[in-house]
Protein backbone atom coordinates (compact mmCIF):
# COMPACT_ATOMS: atom_id res chain seq x y z
CA MET A 1 6.79 -37.50 59.34
CA ASN A 2 9.16 -35.54 61.48
CA ARG A 3 7.10 -32.38 61.00
CA ALA A 4 3.94 -34.04 62.27
CA MET A 5 5.80 -35.45 65.25
CA TYR A 6 7.28 -32.09 66.17
CA SER A 7 3.85 -30.47 65.77
CA GLY A 8 2.53 -33.02 68.25
CA VAL A 9 5.35 -32.19 70.66
CA ALA A 10 4.60 -28.47 70.37
CA GLY A 11 0.91 -29.20 70.98
CA LEU A 12 1.75 -31.23 74.07
CA LYS A 13 3.84 -28.41 75.46
CA THR A 14 1.19 -25.75 74.91
CA HIS A 15 -1.58 -27.90 76.37
CA GLN A 16 0.62 -28.72 79.35
CA THR A 17 1.17 -25.01 79.95
CA ARG A 18 -2.54 -24.39 79.66
CA MET A 19 -3.17 -27.13 82.19
CA ASP A 20 -0.66 -25.43 84.51
CA VAL A 21 -2.63 -22.20 84.23
CA ILE A 22 -5.91 -23.99 84.88
CA GLY A 23 -4.41 -25.83 87.84
CA ASN A 24 -3.19 -22.56 89.32
CA ASN A 25 -6.65 -21.01 88.90
CA ILE A 26 -8.35 -23.93 90.63
CA ALA A 27 -5.75 -23.93 93.42
CA ASN A 28 -6.54 -20.24 94.08
CA VAL A 29 -10.32 -20.55 93.85
CA ASN A 30 -10.55 -19.33 97.51
CA THR A 31 -7.59 -16.95 97.51
CA VAL A 32 -8.51 -13.40 98.56
CA GLY A 33 -8.30 -10.97 95.64
CA TYR A 34 -6.95 -13.54 93.20
CA LYS A 35 -7.50 -12.78 89.50
CA SER A 36 -7.85 -15.76 87.21
CA GLN A 37 -5.63 -16.31 84.17
CA SER A 38 -6.29 -17.79 80.76
CA ALA A 39 -3.84 -19.30 78.23
CA LEU A 40 -4.22 -18.56 74.50
CA PHE A 41 -2.50 -20.45 71.66
CA SER A 42 -1.27 -19.39 68.24
CA ASP A 43 0.11 -21.39 65.32
CA LEU A 44 3.87 -21.60 65.34
CA LEU A 45 5.47 -21.54 61.89
CA TYR A 46 4.76 -22.64 58.31
CA GLN A 47 6.90 -24.31 55.67
CA ASN A 48 5.95 -23.46 52.04
CA SER A 49 5.96 -26.23 49.41
CA SER A 50 5.12 -23.65 46.76
CA ASN A 51 4.32 -20.03 46.81
CA ALA A 52 1.06 -18.51 45.67
CA SER A 53 0.72 -17.25 42.09
CA GLY A 54 -1.78 -14.85 40.63
CA PRO A 55 -4.10 -15.33 37.63
CA ASN A 56 -2.48 -14.90 34.18
CA SER A 57 -4.73 -13.31 31.59
CA ALA A 58 -2.27 -14.05 28.80
CA THR A 59 -2.31 -17.77 29.32
CA GLY A 60 -5.83 -17.96 30.69
CA LEU A 61 -4.68 -19.73 33.84
CA GLY A 62 -6.10 -18.92 37.26
CA GLY A 63 -4.17 -18.16 40.41
CA ILE A 64 -2.73 -20.84 42.69
CA ASN A 65 -2.69 -20.64 46.50
CA ALA A 66 0.46 -21.27 48.41
CA LYS A 67 1.05 -24.75 49.70
CA GLN A 68 1.99 -24.49 53.48
CA VAL A 69 2.60 -27.12 56.07
CA GLY A 70 2.32 -25.98 59.68
CA LEU A 71 4.90 -26.89 62.29
CA GLY A 72 2.69 -26.86 65.42
CA ALA A 73 1.35 -24.45 68.07
CA LYS A 74 2.89 -22.09 70.58
CA MET A 75 1.70 -20.20 73.67
CA ALA A 76 0.44 -16.82 72.41
CA SER A 77 -0.35 -15.24 75.78
CA ILE A 78 -1.27 -15.86 79.38
CA SER A 79 -3.66 -13.05 80.24
CA THR A 80 -5.04 -12.04 83.64
CA ASN A 81 -8.75 -11.31 84.00
CA ILE A 82 -7.98 -8.25 86.08
CA THR A 83 -11.16 -6.27 85.54
CA LEU A 84 -13.69 -8.90 86.63
CA PRO A 85 -14.44 -8.38 90.35
CA GLY A 86 -14.57 -11.33 92.70
CA SER A 87 -17.55 -12.02 94.92
CA ALA A 88 -17.84 -10.33 98.32
CA GLU A 89 -17.21 -12.20 101.57
CA THR A 90 -18.55 -10.60 104.74
CA THR A 91 -16.11 -10.80 107.67
CA ASN A 92 -17.38 -8.00 109.98
CA ASN A 93 -13.75 -7.15 110.67
CA PRO A 94 -13.45 -3.35 110.26
CA PHE A 95 -9.90 -3.70 108.93
CA ASP A 96 -11.00 -6.00 106.09
CA ILE A 97 -11.68 -3.82 103.03
CA ARG A 98 -13.09 -4.67 99.64
CA ILE A 99 -12.36 -2.44 96.66
CA THR A 100 -15.00 -1.73 94.04
CA GLY A 101 -13.59 -0.47 90.75
CA GLN A 102 -10.32 -0.88 88.89
CA SER A 103 -7.98 0.38 91.62
CA PHE A 104 -5.37 -1.36 93.78
CA PHE A 105 -4.18 -0.89 97.35
CA VAL A 106 -0.61 0.37 97.62
CA VAL A 107 1.63 -1.50 100.08
CA ASN A 108 5.32 -1.26 100.84
CA ASN A 109 7.78 -3.98 101.80
CA GLY A 110 10.28 -1.53 103.24
CA ARG A 111 11.89 -0.95 99.87
CA ASP A 112 9.38 -0.96 97.02
CA ASN A 113 5.73 -0.10 96.51
CA LEU A 114 3.61 -3.05 95.41
CA PHE A 115 -0.08 -3.36 94.58
CA THR A 116 -2.84 -5.68 95.71
CA ARG A 117 -6.57 -6.30 95.76
CA ASP A 118 -6.19 -8.23 99.03
CA GLY A 119 -7.69 -5.94 101.66
CA SER A 120 -7.20 -8.15 104.72
CA PHE A 121 -5.41 -5.67 107.00
CA LYS A 122 -4.58 -5.35 110.68
CA VAL A 123 -2.78 -2.96 113.03
CA ASP A 124 0.66 -4.08 114.21
CA ALA A 125 2.40 -3.38 117.53
CA ALA A 126 3.78 -0.08 116.23
CA GLY A 127 0.31 1.13 115.25
CA ASN A 128 0.86 0.68 111.49
CA LEU A 129 -1.90 -0.54 109.20
CA VAL A 130 -0.38 -3.61 107.51
CA MET A 131 -1.32 -6.64 105.41
CA SER A 132 -2.30 -9.57 107.61
CA SER A 133 -0.42 -12.10 105.48
CA ASN A 134 3.05 -10.57 105.28
CA GLY A 135 3.15 -7.38 107.34
CA TYR A 136 3.66 -5.07 104.36
CA ARG A 137 2.59 -1.55 105.33
CA VAL A 138 -0.50 -0.01 103.77
CA MET A 139 0.25 3.33 102.14
CA GLY A 140 -1.83 6.46 102.00
CA TRP A 141 -2.05 10.14 102.93
CA LEU A 142 -2.05 12.05 106.21
CA PRO A 143 -4.10 15.10 107.27
CA ASP A 144 -3.02 18.56 106.18
CA PRO A 145 -0.96 20.07 109.04
CA ASP A 146 -2.60 23.44 108.42
CA ASN A 147 -6.13 21.98 108.40
CA PRO A 148 -6.29 18.61 110.19
CA THR A 149 -9.89 18.06 109.10
CA THR A 150 -8.81 17.57 105.47
CA ILE A 151 -6.39 15.20 103.73
CA LYS A 152 -3.34 16.48 101.86
CA PRO A 153 -2.66 14.16 98.87
CA ASP A 154 1.10 13.83 98.54
CA THR A 155 3.70 11.09 98.17
CA VAL A 156 2.19 8.04 99.86
CA THR A 157 3.46 7.18 103.30
CA ALA A 158 2.94 4.38 105.78
CA LEU A 159 -0.23 4.84 107.83
CA GLN A 160 0.69 4.73 111.50
CA ILE A 161 -2.86 5.28 112.69
CA MET A 162 -2.43 4.25 116.33
CA ASN A 163 0.59 6.29 117.34
CA ALA A 164 0.84 8.04 120.70
CA ALA A 165 -0.57 11.32 119.35
CA ASN A 166 -3.71 9.60 118.09
CA MET A 167 -4.48 7.56 121.20
CA THR A 168 -5.89 10.57 123.08
CA TYR A 169 -7.90 13.65 122.15
CA PRO A 170 -6.84 16.85 123.97
CA ALA A 171 -9.06 18.56 126.50
CA GLU A 172 -10.66 21.89 125.71
CA ALA A 173 -12.03 24.59 127.98
CA THR A 174 -15.69 25.52 127.71
CA THR A 175 -16.18 28.95 126.15
CA GLN A 176 -19.90 29.04 125.41
CA GLY A 177 -23.15 28.07 127.07
CA TYR A 178 -26.84 28.88 126.84
CA ILE A 179 -29.99 28.91 128.95
CA SER A 180 -33.15 27.57 127.34
CA GLY A 181 -36.66 26.68 128.36
CA ILE A 182 -39.73 28.35 129.86
CA ILE A 183 -39.92 30.58 132.91
CA ASP A 184 -43.43 30.42 134.42
CA GLU A 185 -43.96 33.46 136.62
CA GLN A 186 -46.30 31.42 138.82
CA SER A 187 -43.67 28.76 139.43
CA PRO A 188 -42.98 28.47 143.19
CA GLU A 189 -39.27 28.08 142.47
CA VAL A 190 -38.69 31.44 140.78
CA ASN A 191 -40.67 33.16 143.53
CA SER A 192 -38.66 31.57 146.35
CA GLU A 193 -35.55 32.96 148.05
CA ASP A 194 -33.37 30.21 146.56
CA GLY A 195 -34.86 30.53 143.09
CA LYS A 196 -34.89 27.98 140.26
CA ILE A 197 -31.46 26.33 140.43
CA MET A 198 -29.74 25.42 137.15
CA ASN A 199 -26.46 23.56 136.77
CA LEU A 200 -24.08 24.65 134.01
CA ASN A 201 -21.54 21.84 133.66
CA PHE A 202 -18.29 22.83 131.96
CA TYR A 203 -14.58 22.05 131.62
CA ASP A 204 -11.33 23.90 132.10
CA SER A 205 -8.42 23.67 129.65
CA ARG A 206 -7.04 20.60 131.43
CA GLY A 207 -10.28 18.67 131.05
CA TYR A 208 -11.44 18.87 134.67
CA SER A 209 -15.20 19.22 135.10
CA TYR A 210 -16.98 21.88 137.15
CA THR A 211 -20.51 23.00 137.88
CA ALA A 212 -21.69 26.60 138.01
CA LYS A 213 -24.90 26.80 140.02
CA LEU A 214 -27.15 29.54 138.67
CA ALA A 215 -30.44 30.71 140.19
CA LEU A 216 -33.42 32.29 138.41
CA LYS A 217 -35.56 34.57 140.60
CA LYS A 218 -38.49 36.90 139.98
CA VAL A 219 -37.54 40.58 140.32
CA ASP A 220 -39.26 43.83 139.50
CA GLY A 221 -39.28 44.74 135.81
CA ASN A 222 -36.60 47.05 134.45
CA ASN A 223 -39.41 49.05 132.84
CA GLU A 224 -43.19 48.94 132.61
CA ASN A 225 -43.20 46.88 129.40
CA VAL A 226 -41.20 43.90 130.62
CA ASN A 227 -41.17 41.16 133.20
CA SER A 228 -37.72 40.64 134.69
CA TYR A 229 -35.91 37.75 136.34
CA SER A 230 -32.47 37.66 137.84
CA CYS A 231 -29.92 35.00 136.93
CA GLU A 232 -27.41 34.80 139.75
CA LEU A 233 -24.17 32.88 140.12
CA VAL A 234 -24.77 31.04 143.38
CA LYS A 235 -21.47 29.18 143.55
CA LEU A 236 -18.93 27.25 141.53
CA LEU A 237 -18.22 23.65 142.49
CA ASP A 238 -15.41 21.31 141.49
CA ALA A 239 -15.99 17.62 140.76
CA SER A 240 -15.82 16.76 144.46
CA GLY A 241 -18.48 19.35 145.36
CA LYS A 242 -16.08 21.87 146.92
CA ASP A 243 -17.04 25.53 146.56
CA ILE A 244 -14.19 27.23 144.67
CA THR A 245 -16.01 30.42 143.62
CA ALA A 246 -13.65 32.77 145.41
CA GLN A 247 -10.58 30.63 144.78
CA VAL A 248 -10.85 30.92 140.98
CA GLY A 249 -12.37 34.42 140.98
CA ALA A 250 -15.62 33.32 139.30
CA THR A 251 -18.10 36.14 138.68
CA MET A 252 -20.84 37.18 136.28
CA GLY A 253 -20.55 40.85 137.17
CA ASN A 254 -22.43 43.06 139.62
CA THR A 255 -26.04 44.06 138.89
CA GLU A 256 -28.60 45.88 141.03
CA VAL A 257 -32.09 44.43 140.97
CA THR A 258 -35.33 45.31 142.71
CA MET A 259 -37.22 42.52 144.43
CA ASN A 260 -40.57 41.96 146.00
CA ASP A 261 -40.69 43.08 149.61
CA ILE A 262 -39.25 40.59 152.10
CA THR A 263 -39.87 41.45 155.75
CA LYS A 264 -37.27 40.14 158.19
CA SER A 265 -37.39 40.33 161.97
CA LEU A 266 -34.71 39.16 164.36
CA ALA A 267 -34.71 35.41 164.86
CA ASN A 268 -36.11 34.08 168.11
CA GLY A 269 -33.67 34.56 171.00
CA TYR A 270 -31.56 37.29 169.39
CA GLU A 271 -31.58 40.66 171.17
CA LEU A 272 -30.57 43.97 169.65
CA LYS A 273 -29.15 46.84 171.70
CA MET A 274 -29.16 50.18 169.94
CA GLY A 275 -25.86 51.93 169.67
CA PRO A 276 -23.63 53.33 168.97
CA PRO A 277 -22.14 50.84 168.92
CA HIS A 278 -24.94 48.49 168.01
CA THR A 279 -24.69 45.06 169.59
CA LEU A 280 -26.53 41.89 168.80
CA LYS A 281 -26.78 39.18 171.45
CA SER A 282 -27.22 35.59 170.30
CA PRO A 283 -29.32 33.02 172.17
CA ASN A 284 -27.60 30.91 174.83
CA GLU A 285 -25.27 28.53 173.03
CA ASN A 286 -24.79 25.88 175.73
CA ALA A 287 -25.86 24.80 179.19
CA ASN A 288 -23.42 27.27 180.79
CA GLY A 289 -25.34 30.15 179.32
CA ASP A 290 -22.53 31.24 177.03
CA TYR A 291 -23.59 33.44 174.16
CA THR A 292 -22.00 35.57 171.45
CA GLU A 293 -22.31 39.32 171.27
CA TYR A 294 -21.72 40.96 167.90
CA SER A 295 -20.56 44.54 167.56
CA ILE A 296 -22.11 46.12 164.46
CA THR A 297 -20.73 49.26 162.87
CA ASP A 298 -21.17 50.45 159.30
CA GLY A 299 -19.04 48.17 157.14
CA LYS A 300 -17.70 45.94 159.90
CA ILE A 301 -18.94 43.25 162.26
CA THR A 302 -16.90 41.74 165.10
CA ALA A 303 -17.76 39.21 167.78
CA THR A 304 -16.79 38.73 171.44
CA HIS A 305 -17.64 35.64 173.49
CA PHE A 306 -19.29 36.21 176.87
CA ILE A 307 -19.27 33.84 179.87
CA MET A 308 -22.58 34.18 181.65
CA SER A 309 -21.56 32.42 184.87
CA ASN A 310 -19.75 35.49 186.14
CA GLY A 311 -20.94 38.08 183.67
CA THR A 312 -17.43 38.75 182.51
CA ALA A 313 -16.64 39.15 178.82
CA THR A 314 -13.59 37.19 177.68
CA ALA A 315 -11.59 37.31 174.48
CA ASP A 316 -10.71 33.63 174.33
CA PRO A 317 -9.00 33.27 170.90
CA ASP A 318 -10.58 29.82 170.48
CA LYS A 319 -14.06 31.32 170.94
CA VAL A 320 -13.86 34.77 169.37
CA LEU A 321 -15.17 34.59 165.79
CA SER A 322 -13.48 35.94 162.69
CA GLU A 323 -15.20 38.75 160.80
CA ASP A 324 -16.45 36.27 158.18
CA ASP A 325 -17.94 34.02 160.85
CA ALA A 326 -19.38 37.03 162.61
CA TRP A 327 -21.15 38.05 159.42
CA LYS A 328 -22.60 34.54 159.24
CA GLY A 329 -23.91 34.91 162.78
CA VAL A 330 -25.61 38.24 162.07
CA ALA A 331 -27.02 36.91 158.77
CA LYS A 332 -28.52 34.00 160.72
CA ALA A 333 -30.14 36.46 163.07
CA PHE A 334 -32.00 37.92 160.09
CA GLY A 335 -32.95 34.51 158.65
CA TYR A 336 -30.29 34.16 155.95
CA ASN A 337 -28.24 30.97 155.68
CA SER A 338 -25.54 32.64 153.62
CA ALA A 339 -23.60 35.64 154.84
CA ASP A 340 -22.76 36.55 151.25
CA GLU A 341 -26.47 36.54 150.30
CA PHE A 342 -27.25 38.73 153.32
CA LYS A 343 -24.48 41.25 152.53
CA ARG A 344 -25.84 41.71 148.99
CA MET A 345 -29.31 42.78 150.20
CA ARG A 346 -30.63 46.33 150.09
CA SER A 347 -33.51 48.00 151.92
CA THR A 348 -35.45 51.22 151.35
CA ILE A 349 -36.87 53.20 154.28
CA GLU A 350 -39.85 55.44 153.52
CA ASP A 351 -40.11 58.57 155.71
CA ASN A 352 -43.71 59.69 155.40
CA THR A 353 -43.28 62.29 158.16
CA ALA A 354 -41.12 64.43 155.95
CA ASN A 355 -42.70 67.03 153.72
CA PRO A 356 -42.56 65.96 151.01
CA PRO A 357 -42.12 62.25 151.94
CA THR A 358 -38.62 60.89 151.22
CA SER A 359 -37.00 57.50 150.87
CA LYS A 360 -33.46 56.25 151.36
CA THR A 361 -31.78 53.05 150.17
CA TYR A 362 -29.29 51.21 152.37
CA ASP A 363 -26.64 48.63 151.40
CA ILE A 364 -26.39 45.93 154.06
CA SER A 365 -22.66 45.38 153.54
CA THR A 366 -21.79 48.97 154.53
CA GLN A 367 -24.88 50.54 156.14
CA LEU A 368 -26.47 47.88 158.36
CA ALA A 369 -26.04 49.84 161.60
CA THR A 370 -27.52 53.02 160.09
CA LEU A 371 -30.44 51.01 158.70
CA MET A 372 -31.13 49.59 162.16
CA THR A 373 -31.26 53.08 163.60
CA ASP A 374 -33.39 54.62 160.87
CA SER A 375 -35.80 51.68 160.84
CA LYS A 376 -36.32 52.23 164.59
CA MET A 377 -35.67 48.64 165.59
CA VAL A 378 -36.01 48.53 169.35
CA ASP A 379 -33.59 47.10 171.89
CA GLY A 380 -34.07 44.07 174.10
CA SER A 381 -35.87 45.85 176.90
CA GLY A 382 -39.10 44.05 176.28
CA SER A 383 -40.60 46.33 173.71
CA ALA A 384 -42.00 44.87 170.46
CA ALA A 385 -39.36 43.58 168.09
CA GLY A 386 -38.69 45.67 165.00
CA SER A 387 -38.29 44.48 161.42
CA ILE A 388 -36.65 45.52 158.16
CA VAL A 389 -38.21 45.24 154.69
CA PHE A 390 -35.65 44.10 152.09
CA ASN A 391 -36.64 44.98 148.52
CA GLY A 392 -33.46 44.86 146.47
CA LYS A 393 -29.97 43.49 146.26
CA ASN A 394 -26.74 43.44 144.30
CA ILE A 395 -26.41 40.15 142.46
CA ASP A 396 -23.47 38.38 140.84
CA GLY A 397 -25.28 37.98 137.55
CA CYS A 398 -27.80 39.79 135.39
CA SER A 399 -31.49 40.56 134.98
CA ILE A 400 -33.36 39.09 132.02
CA ASP A 401 -36.27 40.97 130.41
CA PHE A 402 -39.29 39.44 128.67
CA SER A 403 -42.09 41.13 126.80
CA LYS A 404 -45.29 41.48 128.83
CA ALA A 405 -47.21 41.21 125.57
CA ASP A 406 -46.09 37.76 124.39
CA GLY A 407 -43.41 36.56 126.81
CA SER A 408 -40.62 36.64 124.24
CA PHE A 409 -37.04 37.41 125.19
CA VAL A 410 -36.22 41.15 125.05
CA GLY A 411 -32.77 41.72 126.50
CA ILE A 412 -30.47 41.80 129.51
CA ASN A 413 -30.05 44.40 132.26
CA GLY A 414 -32.62 46.70 130.67
CA THR A 415 -30.85 46.80 127.30
CA ALA A 416 -33.00 45.46 124.47
CA GLY A 417 -31.20 43.13 122.06
CA THR A 418 -28.41 42.15 124.44
CA LYS A 419 -28.35 38.36 124.57
CA VAL A 420 -25.25 37.28 126.46
CA MET A 421 -23.45 37.63 129.75
CA THR A 422 -19.99 36.34 130.52
CA LEU A 423 -18.92 34.09 133.37
CA LYS A 424 -15.39 35.35 134.07
CA PHE A 425 -12.49 33.92 136.03
CA GLY A 426 -9.51 35.46 137.75
CA ASN A 427 -6.05 35.72 136.21
CA ASP A 428 -4.22 34.33 139.23
CA PRO A 429 -2.80 30.77 139.08
CA ASP A 430 -6.00 29.22 140.44
CA GLY A 431 -8.06 30.67 137.59
CA ALA A 432 -5.46 30.30 134.84
CA SER A 433 -6.86 27.02 133.49
CA PHE A 434 -10.32 28.51 132.91
CA GLU A 435 -11.57 30.46 129.92
CA ASP A 436 -14.38 32.99 130.13
CA ILE A 437 -17.76 31.47 129.23
CA THR A 438 -20.26 33.47 127.15
CA ILE A 439 -23.81 32.52 128.19
CA ASP A 440 -26.68 33.12 125.76
CA PHE A 441 -30.15 33.76 127.26
CA SER A 442 -32.09 34.34 124.03
CA ALA A 443 -33.65 30.84 124.01
CA LEU A 444 -35.68 31.60 127.15
CA SER A 445 -39.34 32.58 127.12
CA ASN A 446 -41.73 33.79 129.81
CA GLN A 447 -44.98 31.87 129.46
CA GLY A 448 -47.52 29.87 131.39
CA ASN A 449 -46.48 26.22 131.81
CA ASN A 450 -48.70 24.79 134.57
CA LYS A 451 -46.61 26.63 137.15
CA VAL A 452 -43.49 24.71 136.11
CA THR A 453 -40.26 26.44 135.09
CA THR A 454 -38.22 24.29 132.71
CA ALA A 455 -35.22 26.57 132.22
CA SER A 456 -31.92 24.71 132.12
CA ALA A 457 -28.28 25.47 131.36
CA THR A 458 -26.25 23.71 128.65
CA ASN A 459 -22.59 24.02 127.69
CA GLY A 460 -21.92 24.79 124.04
CA SER A 461 -23.19 27.21 121.42
CA LEU A 462 -26.93 27.71 120.97
CA ALA A 463 -26.43 27.40 117.19
CA ASP A 464 -24.22 24.29 117.40
CA ALA A 465 -23.92 22.47 120.72
CA SER A 466 -20.51 21.05 119.75
CA ILE A 467 -18.94 24.50 119.44
CA GLY A 468 -17.49 25.92 122.64
CA ALA A 469 -18.83 23.06 124.78
CA GLY A 470 -15.40 22.05 126.05
CA ARG A 471 -14.39 18.49 126.79
CA MET A 472 -12.33 16.25 129.01
CA VAL A 473 -9.30 14.35 127.71
CA GLY A 474 -10.56 11.56 125.45
CA LYS A 475 -9.20 8.05 125.05
CA MET A 476 -9.51 6.29 121.70
CA SER A 477 -12.56 4.06 121.79
CA GLY A 478 -12.82 2.95 118.16
CA LEU A 479 -11.68 3.24 114.55
CA SER A 480 -13.80 3.41 111.42
CA ILE A 481 -12.95 3.39 107.71
CA GLN A 482 -15.20 5.30 105.33
CA ASN A 483 -16.09 4.38 101.75
CA ASP A 484 -13.50 6.84 100.45
CA GLY A 485 -10.75 5.22 102.52
CA LYS A 486 -10.61 7.92 105.21
CA ILE A 487 -9.83 6.54 108.66
CA TYR A 488 -11.45 8.20 111.68
CA ALA A 489 -10.83 7.60 115.37
CA THR A 490 -13.58 8.05 117.95
CA TYR A 491 -12.89 8.97 121.55
CA ASP A 492 -14.78 8.50 124.80
CA ASN A 493 -15.23 12.28 125.15
CA GLY A 494 -17.53 12.25 122.13
CA GLN A 495 -14.97 13.59 119.65
CA SER A 496 -13.72 12.12 116.39
CA LYS A 497 -10.51 12.74 114.48
CA LEU A 498 -9.38 12.22 110.89
CA LEU A 499 -6.24 10.05 111.04
CA ALA A 500 -5.41 9.22 107.41
CA GLN A 501 -6.77 8.16 104.03
CA ILE A 502 -5.90 4.96 102.22
CA ALA A 503 -4.64 5.85 98.76
CA VAL A 504 -5.08 3.60 95.72
CA ALA A 505 -3.17 3.13 92.48
CA ARG A 506 -4.76 3.11 89.05
CA PHE A 507 -3.07 1.94 85.84
CA ALA A 508 -3.69 2.58 82.16
CA ASN A 509 -3.46 -1.17 81.52
CA ALA A 510 -4.09 -3.05 84.73
CA ALA A 511 -3.85 -6.36 82.85
CA GLY A 512 -0.19 -5.50 82.23
CA LEU A 513 0.67 -5.79 85.92
CA GLU A 514 2.99 -8.62 86.84
CA LYS A 515 1.99 -11.08 89.56
CA ALA A 516 4.62 -11.19 92.32
CA GLY A 517 3.10 -13.77 94.68
CA ASP A 518 1.53 -13.10 98.08
CA ASN A 519 -1.47 -11.60 96.26
CA LEU A 520 0.80 -8.78 95.05
CA TYR A 521 1.47 -7.14 91.70
CA THR A 522 4.31 -5.03 90.37
CA SER A 523 4.11 -2.46 87.62
CA THR A 524 5.63 -3.14 84.20
CA GLN A 525 6.37 -1.10 81.12
CA ASN A 526 3.06 -2.24 79.64
CA SER A 527 0.93 -1.48 82.71
CA GLY A 528 2.10 2.08 83.19
CA ASP A 529 4.06 3.49 86.10
CA PHE A 530 2.87 4.40 89.59
CA ASP A 531 3.45 8.11 90.19
CA GLY A 532 4.15 7.71 93.91
CA ILE A 533 1.07 9.69 94.95
CA GLY A 534 -1.93 7.62 93.90
CA VAL A 535 -5.54 8.71 93.65
CA ASP A 536 -8.71 8.97 95.71
CA ILE A 537 -10.72 5.81 95.04
CA THR A 538 -13.92 7.80 94.57
CA SER A 539 -12.47 9.79 91.66
CA ASP A 540 -13.71 7.19 89.16
CA GLY A 541 -16.82 6.11 91.05
CA GLY A 542 -15.13 3.35 93.03
CA TYR A 543 -15.41 2.89 96.78
CA MET A 544 -14.20 0.78 99.69
CA THR A 545 -16.42 -1.47 101.78
CA PRO A 546 -15.10 -2.19 105.31
CA GLY A 547 -15.97 -5.54 106.84
CA GLU A 548 -15.80 -7.36 103.50
CA LEU A 549 -13.14 -9.00 101.35
CA GLU A 550 -12.98 -9.53 97.59
CA MET A 551 -12.70 -13.21 96.84
CA SER A 552 -11.18 -14.90 93.79
CA ASN A 553 -12.88 -14.30 90.44
CA VAL A 554 -12.18 -17.88 89.29
CA ASP A 555 -15.18 -19.48 87.55
CA LEU A 556 -14.80 -23.03 88.83
CA SER A 557 -17.30 -24.54 86.39
CA GLY A 558 -15.53 -22.89 83.48
CA GLU A 559 -12.14 -24.04 84.70
CA LEU A 560 -13.31 -27.65 85.00
CA THR A 561 -14.70 -27.49 81.47
CA ASN A 562 -11.44 -26.00 80.20
CA MET A 563 -9.57 -28.74 82.00
CA ILE A 564 -11.54 -31.41 80.09
CA VAL A 565 -10.97 -29.64 76.77
CA THR A 566 -7.27 -29.26 77.52
CA GLN A 567 -6.98 -32.90 78.48
CA ARG A 568 -8.60 -33.93 75.18
CA GLY A 569 -6.29 -31.63 73.26
CA PHE A 570 -3.27 -33.08 75.03
CA GLN A 571 -4.53 -36.58 74.32
CA ALA A 572 -5.03 -35.80 70.61
CA ASN A 573 -1.53 -34.35 70.31
CA SER A 574 -0.08 -37.43 71.91
CA ARG A 575 -1.86 -39.47 69.27
CA ILE A 576 -0.06 -37.48 66.55
CA ILE A 577 3.22 -38.68 67.96
CA THR A 578 2.14 -42.31 68.26
CA VAL A 579 0.61 -42.39 64.77
CA SER A 580 3.66 -40.68 63.25
CA ASP A 581 5.82 -43.23 65.01
CA THR A 582 3.74 -46.07 63.53
CA MET A 583 4.03 -44.59 60.05
CA LEU A 584 7.79 -44.28 60.42
CA GLU A 585 7.91 -47.86 61.57
CA GLU A 586 6.02 -48.96 58.45
CA LEU A 587 8.43 -46.98 56.32
CA VAL A 588 11.39 -48.68 57.93
CA ASN A 589 9.75 -52.05 57.41
CA LEU A 590 9.62 -51.52 53.64
CA LYS A 591 13.16 -52.88 53.30
CA ARG A 592 12.16 -56.20 54.74
């Protein structure tokens, strides 16, 4: 009787343990990443009344089985259903990550590495990626210092993804640009004095933005097979619109081009007196009759202010113009708003009286007075006003050639195959933050387009607009986690940066991991060791899904069924004890 009673006790204990396991499963039915457990029984021990014997051919007797009485049940194992994935819960939180596959996140409590399927993470005040529940740091790999665009798998480290270095993206100076579009030779813009204006926006090495204003103008072809257009650097502006061309030494080089004839006479009210020295009288400037008289010699222009009330010339320092301002005054007399534009002009005088006829070219910046004499411009005595025909100039830029046959791009400055010119800057402190910009013209074409020129300037490489485009300093505007666990930051200057990669651990026998609470596991001798480095989750076909969490894999209907079966088993074992007790009582009562 005692054996039956003890078997019942053993059965009660095992069924109670099984109920504990079932209760824990049901309690964690909504626990993130929880893996259900199952309890398995085995028989405990047997007592032999007689041993087995084999058949005896001599006596003709058959064999006899052993007579064994069992002593109850024991708990054989409590196994974890580690490989069955839980269902996915969508959270739309980018730091919530669900693992697909047999891998585990690696986290660290400041002392040891632990493992989890709970991917509910957040970023703490120090910028570390940590578990939301307990603050344990998520472990992974950092970019290769020699190639920051790739990850260097090594001993896992805490992922401080929002440190000071990652919060901004450094500025970069523009080094490349290109001009693209159609130049229509009938476009009014390219045939005007100002030309078709294009803005090339770019950055210096500190991230400040600037605009180079370029002008496309029709010029005479460099040879009989091409149509040519000049591309001139008009000026360079900072973000406030200030002209800093001279300050930073901006230039695209010096090129001579031939233009269509432009006839210029003196503006109304200006009077020329032939020299030497040549003098140019401006119109009255105020009610007193004051006017400015410019002295023009080859290469230099000065100005003296005259007071008409007494006819006496004065050199009032507040009224005498600088040479630069004097040049502006003379340029205005010839109809040019810019003194620099005027000084770049050239003119050719044809002398048909010579035998044979000759021609001579004059540079305005150094030969204006000689040109006035040779062109026979008359003085202010009442004779008819003279004029000068401008047909060329030196430009800060280049000439672009297109095939007359099909309008395709041919080259630059008369050299076939040359595609680029360089916008250069000075080496003094004001130009030190700039880098020279190579401008590619090969994407231009010269075709009819309803008299509309669409040419425009763009920073960056023609082959890849992101190369050489430059950028301002960028502030972090977002984080994203890819399916392979790589974490990228995006910045408001359009750039992105690889910050880290979440590593995972994989075990030969994941079911051998030991639960440590807080949704964590530790490795055991039967699970296999963690090598300290981990693996890329995609190496076995697994992946991570941001914005989702893996829920518990508990089958609630199965657990409720198991609970009923366990309760019945417990009840039956209790009956063994009560029945055995009754039988013992009857045995004791035999003496009565």
